[in-house]
Amino acid sequence: MQCLNKEEYRVAQRVNHYFKCDDMSFQDKLFNAILIAQYELEVHHYAGDEERKKIARFKNILDGLLHKISVYGMPSIATAAEDGIGQE
């Protein structure tokens, strides 16, 4: 099963490295990352339009990962993120 493209894999890795707490599920990590990105966009916490676009793109990828969890199930997505499955 191919579940993550290269960009999604990189974002998943970033989220896993940012939230180091072992008590958090991958889904919880994604949810919190989405909240942070949404907050940054809502309060205009970015230096310029280019940074705003990067944050928005990052949030869209996070949303897509959360959607894939609902389709494929969390264990397969979390495993893919950790093991590099699905990289192109």
C-alpha atoms as a PDB file:
ATOM      1  CA  MET A   1       0.000   0.000   0.000  1.00  0.00           C
ATOM      2  CA  GLN A   2       1.339   3.379  -0.967  1.00  0.00           C
ATOM      3  CA  CYS A   3      -0.051   5.881   1.483  1.00  0.00           C
ATOM      4  CA  LEU A   4       2.376   8.805   1.766  1.00  0.00           C
ATOM      5  CA  ASN A   5       4.035  10.810  -0.954  1.00  0.00           C
ATOM      6  CA  LYS A   6       7.464  12.319  -0.392  1.00  0.00           C
ATOM      7  CA  GLU A   7       6.146  15.674   0.841  1.00  0.00           C
ATOM      8  CA  GLU A   8       3.672  14.058   3.231  1.00  0.00           C
ATOM      9  CA  TYR A   9       6.397  11.790   4.552  1.00  0.00           C
ATOM     10  CA  ARG A  10       8.672  14.785   5.260  1.00  0.00           C
ATOM     11  CA  VAL A  11       5.884  16.651   7.043  1.00  0.00           C
ATOM     12  CA  ALA A  12       5.022  13.556   9.083  1.00  0.00           C
ATOM     13  CA  GLN A  13       8.678  13.227  10.064  1.00  0.00           C
ATOM     14  CA  ARG A  14       8.807  16.901  11.097  1.00  0.00           C
ATOM     15  CA  VAL A  15       5.710  16.473  13.244  1.00  0.00           C
ATOM     16  CA  ASN A  16       7.122  13.335  14.875  1.00  0.00           C
ATOM     17  CA  HIS A  17      10.388  15.111  15.646  1.00  0.00           C
ATOM     18  CA  TYR A  18       8.704  18.302  16.908  1.00  0.00           C
ATOM     19  CA  PHE A  19       6.376  16.481  19.310  1.00  0.00           C
ATOM     20  CA  LYS A  20       8.795  14.153  21.079  1.00  0.00           C
ATOM     21  CA  CYS A  21       6.350  12.977  23.733  1.00  0.00           C
ATOM     22  CA  ASP A  22       5.892   9.211  23.503  1.00  0.00           C
ATOM     23  CA  ASP A  23       2.500   9.497  25.196  1.00  0.00           C
ATOM     24  CA  MET A  24       1.037  11.359  22.196  1.00  0.00           C
ATOM     25  CA  SER A  25      -0.431   9.363  19.333  1.00  0.00           C
ATOM     26  CA  PHE A  26       0.515  10.367  15.804  1.00  0.00           C
ATOM     27  CA  GLN A  27      -3.050  11.617  15.339  1.00  0.00           C
ATOM     28  CA  ASP A  28      -2.701  13.838  18.430  1.00  0.00           C
ATOM     29  CA  LYS A  29       0.579  15.188  17.084  1.00  0.00           C
ATOM     30  CA  LEU A  30      -1.063  16.028  13.753  1.00  0.00           C
ATOM     31  CA  PHE A  31      -4.026  17.660  15.475  1.00  0.00           C
ATOM     32  CA  ASN A  32      -1.767  19.864  17.593  1.00  0.00           C
ATOM     33  CA  ALA A  33       0.373  20.798  14.584  1.00  0.00           C
ATOM     34  CA  ILE A  34      -2.807  21.803  12.726  1.00  0.00           C
ATOM     35  CA  LEU A  35      -3.878  23.967  15.668  1.00  0.00           C
ATOM     36  CA  ILE A  36      -0.503  25.722  15.715  1.00  0.00           C
ATOM     37  CA  ALA A  37      -0.508  26.335  11.955  1.00  0.00           C
ATOM     38  CA  GLN A  38      -4.118  27.564  12.039  1.00  0.00           C
ATOM     39  CA  TYR A  39      -3.298  29.935  14.901  1.00  0.00           C
ATOM     40  CA  GLU A  40      -0.286  31.340  13.028  1.00  0.00           C
ATOM     41  CA  LEU A  41      -2.472  31.999   9.996  1.00  0.00           C
ATOM     42  CA  GLU A  42      -5.337  33.534  11.973  1.00  0.00           C
ATOM     43  CA  VAL A  43      -3.183  35.962  13.970  1.00  0.00           C
ATOM     44  CA  HIS A  44      -0.978  36.782  10.976  1.00  0.00           C
ATOM     45  CA  HIS A  45       2.083  35.364  12.723  1.00  0.00           C
ATOM     46  CA  TYR A  46       4.276  35.359   9.611  1.00  0.00           C
ATOM     47  CA  ALA A  47       6.837  37.709   8.106  1.00  0.00           C
ATOM     48  CA  GLY A  48       5.354  38.047   4.645  1.00  0.00           C
ATOM     49  CA  ASP A  49       3.188  36.531   1.958  1.00  0.00           C
ATOM     50  CA  GLU A  50       5.720  33.835   1.074  1.00  0.00           C
ATOM     51  CA  GLU A  51       5.857  32.606   4.672  1.00  0.00           C
ATOM     52  CA  ARG A  52       2.051  32.710   4.886  1.00  0.00           C
ATOM     53  CA  LYS A  53       1.880  30.480   1.806  1.00  0.00           C
ATOM     54  CA  LYS A  54       4.374  28.038   3.335  1.00  0.00           C
ATOM     55  CA  ILE A  55       2.343  27.806   6.540  1.00  0.00           C
ATOM     56  CA  ALA A  56      -0.885  27.351   4.568  1.00  0.00           C
ATOM     57  CA  ARG A  57       0.729  24.615   2.447  1.00  0.00           C
ATOM     58  CA  PHE A  58       2.046  22.919   5.591  1.00  0.00           C
ATOM     59  CA  LYS A  59      -1.438  23.030   7.143  1.00  0.00           C
ATOM     60  CA  ASN A  60      -3.003  21.591   3.985  1.00  0.00           C
ATOM     61  CA  ILE A  61      -0.576  18.674   4.091  1.00  0.00           C
ATOM     62  CA  LEU A  62      -1.360  18.137   7.775  1.00  0.00           C
ATOM     63  CA  ASP A  63      -5.083  18.142   6.957  1.00  0.00           C
ATOM     64  CA  GLY A  64      -4.437  15.592   4.208  1.00  0.00           C
ATOM     65  CA  LEU A  65      -2.502  13.361   6.589  1.00  0.00           C
ATOM     66  CA  LEU A  66      -5.325  13.518   9.113  1.00  0.00           C
ATOM     67  CA  HIS A  67      -7.763  12.580   6.335  1.00  0.00           C
ATOM     68  CA  LYS A  68      -5.582   9.629   5.319  1.00  0.00           C
ATOM     69  CA  ILE A  69      -5.673   8.420   8.907  1.00  0.00           C
ATOM     70  CA  SER A  70      -9.470   8.309   8.679  1.00  0.00           C
ATOM     71  CA  VAL A  71      -9.263   6.376   5.374  1.00  0.00           C
ATOM     72  CA  TYR A  72      -6.332   4.001   5.939  1.00  0.00           C
ATOM     73  CA  GLY A  73      -6.270   3.882   9.713  1.00  0.00           C
ATOM     74  CA  MET A  74      -3.762   5.412  12.075  1.00  0.00           C
ATOM     75  CA  PRO A  75      -1.375   2.473  12.497  1.00  0.00           C
ATOM     76  CA  SER A  76      -0.608   2.286   8.775  1.00  0.00           C
ATOM     77  CA  ILE A  77      -0.016   6.038   8.429  1.00  0.00           C
ATOM     78  CA  ALA A  78       2.058   6.296  11.601  1.00  0.00           C
ATOM     79  CA  THR A  79       4.114   3.278  10.556  1.00  0.00           C
ATOM     80  CA  ALA A  80       4.613   4.731   7.087  1.00  0.00           C
ATOM     81  CA  ALA A  81       5.768   8.012   8.611  1.00  0.00           C
ATOM     82  CA  GLU A  82       8.245   6.259  10.865  1.00  0.00           C
ATOM     83  CA  ASP A  83       9.503   3.674   8.368  1.00  0.00           C
ATOM     84  CA  GLY A  84       9.526   5.724   5.164  1.00  0.00           C
ATOM     85  CA  ILE A  85       6.916   3.601   3.390  1.00  0.00           C
ATOM     86  CA  GLY A  86       5.345   5.320   0.417  1.00  0.00           C
ATOM     87  CA  GLN A  87       8.220   7.639  -0.473  1.00  0.00           C
ATOM     88  CA  GLU A  88       8.487   8.379  -4.172  1.00  0.00           C
END
